[in-house]
Each structure stands twice: as C-alpha cells, then as structure tokens.
Amino acid sequence: MNAETMTSTAPELLPGEIELTVPEMAAYGIRLHRDNRLDAAQKCYEAVLQVDPHNANALHYLGVLHQQRGKRADAIDLVRRSLAIDPCVAAWHNNLGNLMLEDEQYEAASSCYTRCSELDSGNIEVLNNLGVLQRKLGRPEQAEVSFNRAIVLNPEFADAHANLATLLCNLPGRLTEAFSHLADALAMAPRNGNIRRLLVVTYAKAGRIDDARKACQEWAAVEPGDPRAQHYLAALGCVAVPERASDAYVVQEFDGFAGSFDAKLALLDYQAPQWVGEAVARLIGEPKSNLQVLDLGCGTGLCGPYLKPYAERLIGVDLSANMMARAAERHVYDALVKAELVTYLASVDVPQDVVVSADTLCYFGRLDAAFAGVRRVLRPNGIWVFTVEAHRHEQPFNLQVHGRYSHARAYVESQLLASGLGDIEVREVVLRIEGDEHVSGWLVAARAK
C-alpha cells in the first residue's frame, strides 16, 4: 500500500481485497456515512488518514461523525483542520457553525454561517440558520435581512417565513406582518404542525384568544391524529384540561426535534440542568462515585455530566427514544430506559440516593403520583431535586398556551409534604429566555424522611 492506493480486506467495508485510491476510499466512507453505517465509515476515514493525514474530506466527515456521536471537542478540532486545508467548501462552514452553536460559541457560529453564505449566496438553509442566530444575539435588523434573503431566493421556503414571523411578532408595530408571514408559511405547508402551533401561540400571545382557538380547531380538523392539537385545545380552554400531558404528545413533541434539541435550548439560554447540577453539588458535597442516581426525563442527557461524578450507577429515563439516542452519545449513563416516569418508578427495586428531574414536570399538572413514586424509591435521607415553571395564581397548576404546565409554590410544597418528603428548599430561578422574556421556575430540593 502506498500513498496513492489502498487495499481493503475488511469484509464490512468491501468484499475481498479491493484496491482503492485514497480519494476513492474517502468517497466510499462518505457513502457508508450517508447510509448511517457509522462504524464502517469511521474505519474508512481513519484508514485514509493513516496514509494521508491532511486529507480534507476524511478529516471533515470524521468530524461530522464524531459530532453525531456526541464527541463535540473532537468534532470541532477535525472540522477546523479540514477547513484550514480547504477553506472554500461552503457547506463545511455551515457544519462548523452548527458545532459552534452547540458549543454555545454564538459569535463564532455567526461568523461561520456568514462565511458559508458568502461562498454560496444561494444557500437558503444557512441564511435561515444565520437569521435564527442573529435574532438570538439581539440583532433583529440583521436577522430580518437574512430571513428575507432566503425568502427572495425561495418564496416558498416555509421555515424562513415562520422564523421571520417569530422575529416580527416581538418587534413593536410588526404584528400584522408577522401574521402575514405565518399565513404564507401555512399556505406552503398546511400539514406542518410546528407552523400551526406557532400560529396558535402567536394569536394567544397577541391576546386574540378566539382566533387562537379557531386556528387550533382548524389544526385538529386537518390533523385529527396529532396529539399536539388536542393538547393545545385544552390549553386554550376548548376541552377539559388533563391532569398531565399525554404520552403521545410528549413523544411527538420531542422525537421530532431530538437532533437539534441541544442547539435550540442553547438559543433559549436554557439553564435548568445547570441549576439541578448545582443543587446536587451543594446538598451532597464532594463527589465519590458511590451513589445510585436516577435522572427522570433525561432527554438528550444534559444533566448527565453534572450527575456522573456522584454516581456508582446513573440511570436515565425518558419517553422519547430519539432523545435517549442522543443521551447515549454522551457516554455518562449506565442505563437508559424508555418509559413514562410514574410507571417506571413503580417498578424500581433498587433504593436510590438521588433522583432529579430538569424541566420534565412541566408536562404534569397534578404532581402527587410523581412525588409518591419518587418517595417510594428514595433511601432515607435521599434527595429529590427538580424544576417546574412558576406561577403565582390561586390555582394549583395551570396549562399555559405554550403547552407546558406551571405550578404554584404552595401546591408544590404541600404535595411534597403529603408524599413524605421534608427539608424542602424552594428557590426562584430563570429556566430559559423565550420570546425575549424570562421564564421563571421553582428549583426545588427535598429529602426523604
């Protein structure tokens, strides 16, 4: 084998011994990658780099592969090295921008997206990405330009219309334009539940509750099987409010955007996992990797890195298989279980030292069953740390128009006490920034008596 040709004898790559040039092996790795045969693709890329350490294609796509597996630092290093060798591939700048976004390096992400757009002025996807990020960075004028550029290039780009509408509805005097773009987006994608939900929520935020109800009823008529439409009908008072969101609603809500979940939460300055992690650290002290720890509603595993140092065994539980696939890529959980959390708690036969839940109980109204389940699995003096969204109304809980429940502090405390939990600590925190507004929540800690 020399620097020009390679021989593959690995049967999972190619049958028998077949001689390939280095570019051919890299191209074959990309084919395997596109077929989601990640292990085989990785072997191809690594074989290429053994012969040609400066092969830009192998470096770049190995970086993309590492990103898919949750190895962000390795991914960033490899993608940057590929761009140092070949800086003129527009899509590669977009990929690096996505990595920077996941790493919360927003200015760097913006620069990457801008460079991609300079190299490929017709790339509407990166213009849309750039607009979303510019809005996050407090640059509404630039964001509007980016969205409009994408729309000019493709007037039927529904996502750009929807994102422009989201921007405009938060700018003074632009609500009429926002609804116009939402109407355009819906005309182009009438079965897009995300756009229909955005229309419903925007009407509600504008105080046009009757219009919100009508839009939601139309959504339910067009997509009668969509559990999100039924959930929002309840949030708008069209049907009775359920005691908790349905499993079908939660699964559909999160399975659909698991791949971009962390990046989207980064754009919302999502802080619930950090608050939970800090509370656990304060209550336990020095980590000794000797505890049984349970993460209820683990999602993509954002709490995992905070919890792992304390855990002899860390288990994550979630309803969304797609979310848990991302959690698995973090390599911090000893087990991941697809289950509804109350049902799962009833089956646990190993006493737990720590149970946490970050931003999961916002899909519950009544909390008694969840609290009772947690109390059942906790050892004496075990700790329970969680967040819920906050409200100060008289009712114990409220299903808000954005689809999540909020809870009164007195109700949370009373349910903890009724479940046999004490030493209650409640702190008001900011969970995220949504629609340019702070979403307040209760960070709660309690101990089993």
Protein backbone atom coordinates (compact mmCIF):
# COMPACT_ATOMS: atom_id res chain seq x y z
CA MET A 1 0.00 0.00 0.00
CA ASN A 2 1.38 3.41 -0.91
CA ALA A 3 0.15 6.99 -0.70
CA GLU A 4 -1.78 6.61 -3.93
CA THR A 5 -3.62 3.31 -3.48
CA MET A 6 -5.05 1.33 -0.58
CA THR A 7 -6.21 -2.26 -0.16
CA SER A 8 -9.32 -3.06 1.87
CA THR A 9 -9.52 -6.51 3.44
CA ALA A 10 -12.22 -5.66 5.96
CA PRO A 11 -15.39 -7.54 4.89
CA GLU A 12 -17.67 -4.97 6.48
CA LEU A 13 -16.21 -2.36 4.12
CA LEU A 14 -15.73 -4.14 0.83
CA PRO A 15 -15.87 -7.84 -0.09
CA GLY A 16 -12.47 -9.47 -0.52
CA GLU A 17 -9.35 -7.48 -1.31
CA ILE A 18 -10.10 -4.44 -3.46
CA GLU A 19 -7.53 -1.79 -4.22
CA LEU A 20 -8.77 1.78 -4.00
CA THR A 21 -7.13 5.13 -4.39
CA VAL A 22 -7.16 7.40 -1.35
CA PRO A 23 -9.91 9.63 -2.85
CA GLU A 24 -11.97 6.52 -3.67
CA MET A 25 -11.67 5.22 -0.10
CA ALA A 26 -12.71 8.62 1.27
CA ALA A 27 -15.66 8.73 -1.12
CA TYR A 28 -16.67 5.22 -0.10
CA GLY A 29 -16.55 6.25 3.55
CA ILE A 30 -18.91 9.12 2.77
CA ARG A 31 -21.30 6.69 1.06
CA LEU A 32 -21.30 4.46 4.13
CA HIS A 33 -21.79 7.52 6.31
CA ARG A 34 -24.85 8.60 4.32
CA ASP A 35 -26.26 5.07 4.78
CA ASN A 36 -25.78 5.54 8.55
CA ARG A 37 -23.16 2.78 8.70
CA LEU A 38 -21.09 4.83 11.09
CA ASP A 39 -18.61 2.20 12.29
CA ALA A 40 -17.66 1.21 8.74
CA ALA A 41 -17.45 4.85 7.64
CA GLN A 42 -15.16 5.66 10.55
CA LYS A 43 -12.81 2.82 9.55
CA CYS A 44 -12.63 4.23 6.03
CA TYR A 45 -11.85 7.74 7.22
CA GLU A 46 -9.22 6.54 9.67
CA ALA A 47 -7.60 4.34 7.01
CA VAL A 48 -7.40 7.33 4.67
CA LEU A 49 -5.84 9.50 7.37
CA GLN A 50 -3.20 6.89 8.11
CA VAL A 51 -1.98 7.28 4.52
CA ASP A 52 -2.83 10.94 4.01
CA PRO A 53 -3.11 12.83 7.35
CA HIS A 54 -4.06 16.01 5.50
CA ASN A 55 -6.98 14.60 3.53
CA ALA A 56 -9.60 17.29 3.98
CA ASN A 57 -12.60 15.10 3.14
CA ALA A 58 -11.66 12.39 5.63
CA LEU A 59 -10.90 14.96 8.33
CA HIS A 60 -14.16 16.79 7.80
CA TYR A 61 -16.53 13.86 7.64
CA LEU A 62 -14.82 12.09 10.52
CA GLY A 63 -15.50 15.29 12.45
CA VAL A 64 -19.16 15.20 11.43
CA LEU A 65 -19.31 11.57 12.53
CA HIS A 66 -17.82 12.44 15.93
CA GLN A 67 -20.43 15.18 16.29
CA GLN A 68 -23.16 12.61 15.69
CA ARG A 69 -21.68 10.53 18.49
CA GLY A 70 -21.57 13.40 20.93
CA LYS A 71 -17.78 13.93 20.78
CA ARG A 72 -18.04 17.65 20.20
CA ALA A 73 -14.46 18.64 21.05
CA ASP A 74 -13.03 16.06 18.64
CA ALA A 75 -15.56 17.10 16.01
CA ILE A 76 -14.65 20.78 16.26
CA ASP A 77 -10.93 20.01 16.02
CA LEU A 78 -11.33 17.81 12.93
CA VAL A 79 -13.70 20.16 11.10
CA ARG A 80 -11.44 23.12 11.77
CA ARG A 81 -8.45 21.16 10.43
CA SER A 82 -10.39 20.30 7.28
CA LEU A 83 -11.24 23.96 6.70
CA ALA A 84 -7.64 25.01 7.25
CA ILE A 85 -6.76 22.74 4.33
CA ASP A 86 -9.73 23.58 2.10
CA PRO A 87 -11.48 26.79 3.24
CA CYS A 88 -13.63 27.16 0.13
CA VAL A 89 -16.28 24.48 0.78
CA ALA A 90 -19.34 26.47 1.81
CA ALA A 91 -21.23 23.61 3.46
CA TRP A 92 -18.27 22.87 5.73
CA HIS A 93 -18.51 26.36 7.23
CA ASN A 94 -22.18 25.69 7.90
CA ASN A 95 -21.25 22.44 9.67
CA LEU A 96 -18.69 24.23 11.81
CA GLY A 97 -21.32 26.87 12.58
CA ASN A 98 -23.67 24.19 13.85
CA LEU A 99 -20.90 22.82 16.07
CA MET A 100 -20.14 26.28 17.42
CA LEU A 101 -23.82 26.77 18.11
CA GLU A 102 -23.99 23.51 20.07
CA ASP A 103 -20.88 24.64 21.97
CA GLU A 104 -22.62 27.94 22.79
CA GLN A 105 -19.95 29.91 20.88
CA TYR A 106 -22.53 32.12 19.25
CA GLU A 107 -20.25 34.76 17.72
CA ALA A 108 -18.10 32.03 16.16
CA ALA A 109 -21.22 30.31 14.84
CA SER A 110 -22.41 33.57 13.31
CA SER A 111 -19.05 34.04 11.57
CA CYS A 112 -19.19 30.50 10.17
CA TYR A 113 -22.72 30.94 8.83
CA THR A 114 -21.78 34.29 7.32
CA ARG A 115 -18.76 32.77 5.57
CA CYS A 116 -20.90 29.93 4.20
CA SER A 117 -23.35 32.46 2.82
CA GLU A 118 -20.53 34.47 1.24
CA LEU A 119 -19.27 31.35 -0.51
CA ASP A 120 -22.73 30.15 -1.50
CA SER A 121 -25.13 33.07 -1.68
CA GLY A 122 -27.93 30.76 -2.79
CA ASN A 123 -27.83 28.53 0.30
CA ILE A 124 -31.19 29.26 1.87
CA GLU A 125 -30.71 26.86 4.78
CA VAL A 126 -27.68 28.73 6.10
CA LEU A 127 -29.44 32.07 5.64
CA ASN A 128 -32.25 30.71 7.77
CA ASN A 129 -29.75 29.43 10.39
CA LEU A 130 -27.98 32.77 10.37
CA GLY A 131 -31.23 34.64 10.89
CA VAL A 132 -32.17 32.50 13.88
CA LEU A 133 -28.75 33.07 15.44
CA GLN A 134 -28.73 36.81 14.73
CA ARG A 135 -32.08 37.08 16.47
CA LYS A 136 -30.61 35.27 19.45
CA LEU A 137 -27.67 37.67 19.51
CA GLY A 138 -30.02 40.66 19.67
CA ARG A 139 -29.55 41.73 16.07
CA PRO A 140 -33.12 41.85 14.77
CA GLU A 141 -32.30 44.03 11.77
CA GLN A 142 -29.64 41.60 10.55
CA ALA A 143 -31.90 38.64 11.25
CA GLU A 144 -34.69 40.20 9.21
CA VAL A 145 -32.29 40.73 6.30
CA SER A 146 -31.16 37.08 6.44
CA PHE A 147 -34.71 35.71 6.51
CA ASN A 148 -35.80 38.00 3.69
CA ARG A 149 -32.79 36.98 1.58
CA ALA A 150 -33.80 33.34 1.99
CA ILE A 151 -37.40 34.18 1.04
CA VAL A 152 -36.32 36.14 -2.04
CA LEU A 153 -34.26 33.15 -3.17
CA ASN A 154 -37.16 30.78 -2.48
CA PRO A 155 -40.51 32.48 -1.82
CA GLU A 156 -41.94 29.09 -0.82
CA PHE A 157 -39.40 28.45 1.97
CA ALA A 158 -41.93 27.93 4.77
CA ASP A 159 -39.38 27.77 7.59
CA ALA A 160 -37.98 31.19 6.73
CA HIS A 161 -41.48 32.70 6.67
CA ALA A 162 -42.22 31.12 10.06
CA ASN A 163 -38.95 32.30 11.59
CA LEU A 164 -39.43 35.80 10.21
CA ALA A 165 -42.90 35.80 11.75
CA THR A 166 -41.42 34.80 15.11
CA LEU A 167 -39.00 37.72 14.86
CA LEU A 168 -41.61 40.26 13.78
CA CYS A 169 -44.17 39.38 16.43
CA ASN A 170 -41.66 40.51 19.08
CA LEU A 171 -40.93 43.84 17.36
CA PRO A 172 -43.10 46.90 18.05
CA GLY A 173 -45.76 47.50 15.42
CA ARG A 174 -44.87 44.47 13.28
CA LEU A 175 -47.59 42.04 14.37
CA THR A 176 -49.64 42.41 11.18
CA GLU A 177 -46.59 41.48 9.09
CA ALA A 178 -45.92 38.53 11.38
CA PHE A 179 -49.38 37.11 10.78
CA SER A 180 -48.94 37.66 7.03
CA HIS A 181 -45.79 35.54 7.02
CA LEU A 182 -47.44 32.89 9.15
CA ALA A 183 -50.27 32.74 6.64
CA ASP A 184 -47.72 32.34 3.84
CA ALA A 185 -45.90 29.59 5.75
CA LEU A 186 -49.14 27.74 6.41
CA ALA A 187 -50.25 28.01 2.79
CA MET A 188 -46.97 26.38 1.74
CA ALA A 189 -47.00 23.71 4.44
CA PRO A 190 -50.62 23.19 5.53
CA ARG A 191 -49.84 19.96 7.37
CA ASN A 192 -46.83 21.34 9.24
CA GLY A 193 -47.86 21.05 12.87
CA ASN A 194 -44.98 23.26 14.03
CA ILE A 195 -46.24 26.16 11.93
CA ARG A 196 -49.83 25.61 13.05
CA ARG A 197 -48.69 25.56 16.65
CA LEU A 198 -46.73 28.79 16.12
CA LEU A 199 -49.83 30.43 14.67
CA VAL A 200 -51.92 29.32 17.68
CA VAL A 201 -49.34 30.53 20.19
CA THR A 202 -48.82 33.85 18.40
CA TYR A 203 -52.54 34.56 18.38
CA ALA A 204 -52.67 33.76 22.10
CA LYS A 205 -49.67 35.98 22.92
CA ALA A 206 -51.34 38.79 21.00
CA GLY A 207 -54.42 38.40 23.15
CA ARG A 208 -56.51 37.12 20.22
CA ILE A 209 -57.77 34.07 22.10
CA ASP A 210 -60.78 33.50 19.86
CA ASP A 211 -58.50 33.46 16.80
CA ALA A 212 -56.13 31.11 18.62
CA ARG A 213 -58.99 28.73 19.36
CA LYS A 214 -60.22 28.85 15.78
CA ALA A 215 -56.71 28.17 14.45
CA CYS A 216 -56.31 25.28 16.87
CA GLN A 217 -59.68 23.80 15.89
CA GLU A 218 -58.66 24.02 12.22
CA TRP A 219 -55.39 22.27 13.12
CA ALA A 220 -57.28 19.48 14.87
CA ALA A 221 -59.61 19.14 11.85
CA VAL A 222 -56.71 18.96 9.36
CA GLU A 223 -54.65 16.63 11.56
CA PRO A 224 -57.14 14.83 13.83
CA GLY A 225 -54.49 12.36 14.91
CA ASP A 226 -51.99 14.99 16.05
CA PRO A 227 -51.87 14.85 19.87
CA ARG A 228 -50.36 18.33 19.96
CA ALA A 229 -53.54 19.84 18.52
CA GLN A 230 -55.59 18.15 21.25
CA HIS A 231 -53.16 19.36 23.90
CA TYR A 232 -53.41 22.97 22.75
CA LEU A 233 -57.20 22.77 22.60
CA ALA A 234 -57.03 22.03 26.32
CA ALA A 235 -54.54 24.86 26.91
CA LEU A 236 -56.99 27.26 25.24
CA GLY A 237 -59.98 26.06 27.24
CA CYS A 238 -61.74 24.36 24.33
CA VAL A 239 -61.72 21.00 26.12
CA ALA A 240 -61.08 19.89 29.68
CA VAL A 241 -57.52 20.31 30.96
CA PRO A 242 -55.88 16.92 31.53
CA GLU A 243 -54.01 16.13 34.73
CA ARG A 244 -50.86 15.72 32.64
CA ALA A 245 -49.78 15.80 29.02
CA SER A 246 -50.44 12.57 27.16
CA ASP A 247 -47.57 10.20 26.41
CA ALA A 248 -48.35 10.59 22.71
CA TYR A 249 -47.98 14.38 22.96
CA VAL A 250 -44.64 14.14 24.75
CA VAL A 251 -43.25 11.57 22.32
CA GLN A 252 -44.28 13.55 19.24
CA GLU A 253 -43.10 16.81 20.74
CA PHE A 254 -39.58 15.54 21.41
CA ASP A 255 -38.92 12.76 18.90
CA GLY A 256 -39.32 15.22 16.05
CA PHE A 257 -36.51 17.57 17.02
CA ALA A 258 -34.16 15.45 19.11
CA GLY A 259 -31.30 16.08 16.69
CA SER A 260 -31.44 19.84 17.19
CA PHE A 261 -32.72 19.89 20.76
CA ASP A 262 -29.50 20.96 22.48
CA ALA A 263 -28.82 23.72 19.96
CA LYS A 264 -32.35 25.07 20.24
CA LEU A 265 -32.13 25.07 24.03
CA ALA A 266 -28.79 26.83 23.81
CA LEU A 267 -30.53 29.60 21.87
CA LEU A 268 -33.04 29.87 24.74
CA ASP A 269 -30.26 30.20 27.37
CA TYR A 270 -31.65 27.03 28.91
CA GLN A 271 -30.36 26.71 32.48
CA ALA A 272 -32.44 24.02 34.23
CA PRO A 273 -29.75 21.26 34.08
CA GLN A 274 -27.17 23.67 35.49
CA TRP A 275 -29.48 24.64 38.36
CA VAL A 276 -30.15 20.98 39.14
CA GLY A 277 -26.45 20.14 39.00
CA GLU A 278 -25.53 22.99 41.33
CA ALA A 279 -28.22 21.94 43.82
CA VAL A 280 -26.98 18.34 43.85
CA ALA A 281 -23.41 19.51 44.39
CA ARG A 282 -24.43 21.75 47.28
CA LEU A 283 -26.51 19.08 49.01
CA ILE A 284 -24.06 16.19 48.61
CA GLY A 285 -20.66 17.83 48.67
CA GLU A 286 -17.57 16.13 47.31
CA PRO A 287 -18.41 13.54 44.63
CA LYS A 288 -17.29 9.99 45.41
CA SER A 289 -18.93 8.00 42.59
CA ASN A 290 -20.76 5.89 45.16
CA LEU A 291 -24.44 6.76 44.76
CA GLN A 292 -27.46 5.35 42.96
CA VAL A 293 -28.73 8.23 40.81
CA LEU A 294 -31.88 8.47 38.69
CA ASP A 295 -32.48 11.14 36.02
CA LEU A 296 -36.20 11.33 35.24
CA GLY A 297 -36.96 12.82 31.82
CA CYS A 298 -33.28 12.74 30.90
CA GLY A 299 -33.89 13.92 27.31
CA THR A 300 -30.58 14.29 25.47
CA GLY A 301 -28.69 13.87 28.74
CA LEU A 302 -27.94 17.48 29.62
CA CYS A 303 -28.00 16.66 33.35
CA GLY A 304 -25.76 13.62 32.91
CA PRO A 305 -22.35 15.34 33.13
CA TYR A 306 -23.40 17.06 36.36
CA LEU A 307 -24.60 13.79 37.91
CA LYS A 308 -21.99 11.26 36.77
CA PRO A 309 -19.26 12.23 39.28
CA TYR A 310 -21.63 11.28 42.13
CA ALA A 311 -22.92 8.06 40.64
CA GLU A 312 -21.91 4.47 41.07
CA ARG A 313 -24.83 3.85 38.71
CA LEU A 314 -26.64 6.56 36.74
CA ILE A 315 -29.92 5.68 35.03
CA GLY A 316 -31.78 7.94 32.60
CA VAL A 317 -35.49 7.57 31.89
CA ASP A 318 -37.39 9.20 29.04
CA LEU A 319 -40.35 8.61 26.73
CA SER A 320 -38.52 9.73 23.60
CA ALA A 321 -36.29 7.08 22.02
CA ASN A 322 -34.73 9.72 19.76
CA MET A 323 -33.79 11.85 22.74
CA MET A 324 -32.25 8.90 24.54
CA ALA A 325 -30.18 8.06 21.46
CA ARG A 326 -28.55 11.48 21.87
CA ALA A 327 -28.14 10.89 25.61
CA ALA A 328 -26.33 7.62 24.87
CA GLU A 329 -23.76 9.53 22.83
CA ARG A 330 -22.62 11.35 25.97
CA HIS A 331 -21.37 8.04 27.45
CA VAL A 332 -22.27 9.02 31.02
CA TYR A 333 -25.36 6.88 31.66
CA ASP A 334 -25.03 3.29 32.84
CA ALA A 335 -28.53 2.54 31.56
CA LEU A 336 -31.23 4.34 29.56
CA VAL A 337 -34.85 3.26 29.88
CA LYS A 338 -37.73 4.23 27.60
CA ALA A 339 -40.68 4.62 29.94
CA GLU A 340 -43.22 7.01 31.41
CA LEU A 341 -41.68 8.16 34.67
CA VAL A 342 -44.51 7.31 37.12
CA THR A 343 -44.84 3.84 35.63
CA TYR A 344 -41.09 3.38 35.79
CA LEU A 345 -40.87 4.49 39.43
CA ALA A 346 -43.40 1.82 40.36
CA SER A 347 -41.03 -0.84 39.01
CA VAL A 348 -37.78 0.30 40.65
CA ASP A 349 -36.48 -2.23 43.19
CA VAL A 350 -33.10 -0.65 43.97
CA PRO A 351 -33.21 2.19 46.53
CA GLN A 352 -31.94 5.47 45.11
CA ASP A 353 -29.76 8.09 46.77
CA VAL A 354 -30.52 10.89 44.32
CA VAL A 355 -33.44 11.48 41.96
CA VAL A 356 -33.53 14.53 39.70
CA SER A 357 -35.79 15.94 37.02
CA ALA A 358 -34.98 19.05 34.97
CA ASP A 359 -37.91 20.60 33.10
CA THR A 360 -39.92 17.39 32.90
CA LEU A 361 -42.65 18.01 35.47
CA CYS A 362 -43.77 20.99 33.36
CA TYR A 363 -45.67 18.30 31.40
CA PHE A 364 -47.54 17.29 34.56
CA GLY A 365 -50.38 19.19 36.18
CA ARG A 366 -51.02 17.08 39.25
CA LEU A 367 -47.77 16.15 40.95
CA ASP A 368 -48.92 13.71 43.65
CA ALA A 369 -48.32 10.49 41.69
CA ALA A 370 -44.82 11.56 40.61
CA PHE A 371 -43.86 12.68 44.12
CA ALA A 372 -45.20 9.48 45.67
CA GLY A 373 -43.21 7.43 43.17
CA VAL A 374 -40.03 9.33 43.95
CA ARG A 375 -40.56 8.93 47.70
CA ARG A 376 -41.05 5.18 47.24
CA VAL A 377 -37.65 4.72 45.55
CA LEU A 378 -35.58 7.07 47.74
CA ARG A 379 -33.48 5.80 50.60
CA PRO A 380 -34.00 7.56 53.94
CA ASN A 381 -32.33 10.96 53.65
CA GLY A 382 -32.13 10.56 49.86
CA ILE A 383 -32.55 13.77 47.89
CA TRP A 384 -35.06 14.81 45.22
CA VAL A 385 -34.15 17.82 43.05
CA PHE A 386 -36.33 19.16 40.25
CA THR A 387 -37.59 22.23 38.42
CA VAL A 388 -41.09 23.34 37.48
CA GLU A 389 -42.32 26.51 35.82
CA ALA A 390 -43.70 29.02 38.30
CA HIS A 391 -46.92 30.95 38.66
CA ARG A 392 -48.47 32.97 41.48
CA HIS A 393 -52.16 32.41 40.80
CA GLU A 394 -54.59 30.73 43.17
CA GLN A 395 -54.99 27.52 41.17
CA PRO A 396 -52.51 24.73 41.99
CA PHE A 397 -51.42 24.37 38.36
CA ASN A 398 -52.17 25.93 35.02
CA LEU A 399 -51.79 24.63 31.45
CA GLN A 400 -50.31 27.58 29.60
CA VAL A 401 -50.87 28.46 25.97
CA HIS A 402 -47.34 27.32 25.05
CA GLY A 403 -48.30 23.80 26.15
CA ARG A 404 -46.44 23.49 29.46
CA TYR A 405 -47.88 23.48 32.95
CA SER A 406 -46.87 25.99 35.60
CA HIS A 407 -47.28 25.43 39.33
CA ALA A 408 -47.94 27.44 42.45
CA ARG A 409 -45.22 27.22 45.09
CA ALA A 410 -47.69 26.39 47.86
CA TYR A 411 -49.07 23.48 45.84
CA VAL A 412 -45.59 22.07 45.18
CA GLU A 413 -44.67 22.26 48.86
CA SER A 414 -47.96 20.74 50.04
CA GLN A 415 -47.62 17.79 47.67
CA LEU A 416 -44.06 17.13 48.80
CA LEU A 417 -45.13 17.06 52.44
CA ALA A 418 -48.11 14.83 51.66
CA SER A 419 -45.75 12.39 49.94
CA GLY A 420 -43.49 12.06 52.97
CA LEU A 421 -40.73 14.40 51.81
CA GLY A 422 -39.26 17.11 54.00
CA ASP A 423 -36.39 19.59 54.42
CA ILE A 424 -37.93 21.43 51.48
CA GLU A 425 -35.97 24.19 49.79
CA VAL A 426 -37.53 26.31 47.03
CA ARG A 427 -35.66 28.92 45.01
CA GLU A 428 -36.96 31.03 42.15
CA VAL A 429 -34.71 30.84 39.08
CA VAL A 430 -34.79 31.70 35.38
CA LEU A 431 -35.16 28.48 33.42
CA ARG A 432 -34.85 29.93 29.90
CA ILE A 433 -35.46 33.01 27.78
CA GLU A 434 -38.35 32.50 25.40
CA GLY A 435 -39.82 35.11 23.10
CA ASP A 436 -37.35 37.58 24.63
CA GLU A 437 -38.97 37.02 28.05
CA HIS A 438 -37.61 35.28 31.12
CA VAL A 439 -39.38 32.05 32.05
CA SER A 440 -39.35 31.78 35.83
CA GLY A 441 -39.34 28.49 37.65
CA TRP A 442 -39.03 26.89 41.06
CA LEU A 443 -35.80 24.99 41.74
CA VAL A 444 -36.86 22.57 44.45
CA ALA A 445 -34.93 20.20 46.71
CA ALA A 446 -36.35 17.83 49.32
CA ARG A 447 -35.24 14.83 51.36
CA ALA A 448 -36.92 11.54 52.15
CA LYS A 449 -37.82 11.31 55.84
